[in-house]
Amino acid sequence: MVSALPDFKVRMSADVKEQLEAAARVNNRSLNKEIVARLEASLVSEVRNIDSRSAEAARRLLRSGMGDDLEKRVEYLETGIEELVNALRNYMSDGKSSEFLAALVKVQPN
């Protein structure tokens, strides 16, 4: 059976290849599987680093005091969205959807 995985040749120093071969023996894997496992682990680690940097940035924002203002803004937006949804329901139930759409167009920013 022909493998569906593409061939990919990698050039590396003899020292790096020896280290990978030693690691492959310790992990009871082929050299190819060792390289693939290490590449996959580095990609997962990279995603985790991005997530942790994002979380840390959010924590710094909250600690700076700007988070309080941000929470108020989010609450304000959530309240506004809730009011719009309720207004839409009222207009739709009253058969006044065209009036609602006209009002919505007027309040959209340029």
Protein backbone atom coordinates (compact mmCIF):
# COMPACT_ATOMS: atom_id res chain seq x y z
CA MET A 1 0.00 0.00 0.00
CA VAL A 2 1.30 3.44 -0.95
CA SER A 3 1.42 5.95 1.88
CA ALA A 4 -0.95 8.93 1.55
CA LEU A 5 1.44 11.07 3.59
CA PRO A 6 3.71 13.34 1.57
CA ASP A 7 7.46 12.83 1.63
CA PHE A 8 9.43 15.67 3.14
CA LYS A 9 13.20 15.75 3.29
CA VAL A 10 14.94 17.65 6.05
CA ARG A 11 18.59 18.65 6.16
CA MET A 12 20.22 18.80 9.55
CA SER A 13 23.63 18.60 11.08
CA ALA A 14 25.02 15.20 11.95
CA ASP A 15 24.98 16.19 15.65
CA VAL A 16 21.26 17.00 15.60
CA LYS A 17 20.52 13.76 13.75
CA GLU A 18 22.47 11.76 16.35
CA GLN A 19 20.56 13.45 19.18
CA LEU A 20 17.24 12.68 17.48
CA GLU A 21 18.26 9.06 16.88
CA ALA A 22 19.21 8.70 20.56
CA ALA A 23 15.89 10.22 21.64
CA ALA A 24 14.04 7.92 19.23
CA ARG A 25 15.71 4.87 20.79
CA VAL A 26 14.82 6.07 24.32
CA ASN A 27 11.20 6.68 23.25
CA ASN A 28 11.07 3.41 21.28
CA ARG A 29 10.18 5.20 18.04
CA SER A 30 11.56 5.43 14.55
CA LEU A 31 13.57 8.53 13.68
CA ASN A 32 10.68 9.76 11.55
CA LYS A 33 8.13 9.29 14.35
CA GLU A 34 10.46 11.05 16.79
CA ILE A 35 10.79 14.07 14.48
CA VAL A 36 7.02 14.21 13.87
CA ALA A 37 6.25 13.88 17.61
CA ARG A 38 8.66 16.72 18.42
CA LEU A 39 7.23 18.95 15.68
CA GLU A 40 3.67 18.31 16.86
CA ALA A 41 4.66 19.00 20.48
CA SER A 42 6.29 22.28 19.49
CA LEU A 43 3.12 23.38 17.66
CA VAL A 44 0.92 22.53 20.65
CA SER A 45 3.35 24.35 22.94
CA GLU A 46 3.23 27.39 20.66
CA VAL A 47 -0.58 27.53 20.88
CA ARG A 48 -0.40 27.21 24.68
CA ASN A 49 2.12 30.06 24.81
CA ILE A 50 -0.20 32.28 22.77
CA ASP A 51 -3.13 31.39 25.06
CA SER A 52 -1.11 32.08 28.20
CA ARG A 53 0.15 35.41 26.80
CA SER A 54 -3.44 36.40 25.99
CA ALA A 55 -4.60 35.43 29.48
CA GLU A 56 -1.72 37.35 31.05
CA ALA A 57 -2.55 40.43 28.97
CA ALA A 58 -6.16 40.23 30.17
CA ARG A 59 -4.99 39.92 33.80
CA ARG A 60 -2.72 42.96 33.40
CA LEU A 61 -5.60 44.93 31.91
CA LEU A 62 -7.85 44.05 34.83
CA ARG A 63 -5.13 44.86 37.38
CA SER A 64 -4.45 48.22 35.74
CA GLY A 65 -7.91 49.43 36.71
CA MET A 66 -8.96 49.71 33.11
CA GLY A 67 -10.73 46.40 33.60
CA ASP A 68 -13.36 48.06 35.78
CA ASP A 69 -14.13 50.49 33.00
CA LEU A 70 -14.09 47.63 30.53
CA GLU A 71 -16.55 45.63 32.62
CA LYS A 72 -18.86 48.65 32.75
CA ARG A 73 -18.63 49.05 28.99
CA VAL A 74 -19.42 45.39 28.40
CA GLU A 75 -22.37 45.61 30.78
CA TYR A 76 -23.59 48.75 28.97
CA LEU A 77 -23.33 47.00 25.60
CA GLU A 78 -25.07 43.88 26.87
CA THR A 79 -27.92 46.02 28.23
CA GLY A 80 -28.19 47.87 24.93
CA ILE A 81 -28.31 44.65 22.97
CA GLU A 82 -30.99 43.29 25.27
CA GLU A 83 -33.06 46.47 24.78
CA LEU A 84 -32.67 46.22 21.00
CA VAL A 85 -33.77 42.60 20.99
CA ASN A 86 -36.81 43.45 23.10
CA ALA A 87 -37.66 46.41 20.85
CA LEU A 88 -37.35 44.19 17.79
CA ARG A 89 -39.66 41.60 19.33
CA ASN A 90 -42.22 44.31 20.12
CA TYR A 91 -42.11 45.83 16.65
CA MET A 92 -42.27 42.42 14.98
CA SER A 93 -45.24 41.35 17.08
CA ASP A 94 -47.03 44.64 16.30
CA GLY A 95 -46.34 44.31 12.58
CA LYS A 96 -44.10 47.40 12.66
CA SER A 97 -40.87 45.81 11.46
CA SER A 98 -40.39 48.45 8.75
CA GLU A 99 -40.48 51.21 11.41
CA PHE A 100 -37.89 49.37 13.45
CA LEU A 101 -35.59 48.92 10.45
CA ALA A 102 -35.93 52.61 9.57
CA ALA A 103 -35.02 53.58 13.13
CA LEU A 104 -32.07 51.18 13.10
CA VAL A 105 -30.68 52.71 9.90
CA LYS A 106 -30.84 56.18 11.49
CA VAL A 107 -28.70 55.18 14.48
CA GLN A 108 -25.97 53.35 12.60
CA PRO A 109 -22.61 55.13 12.70
CA ASN A 110 -21.22 56.55 9.46
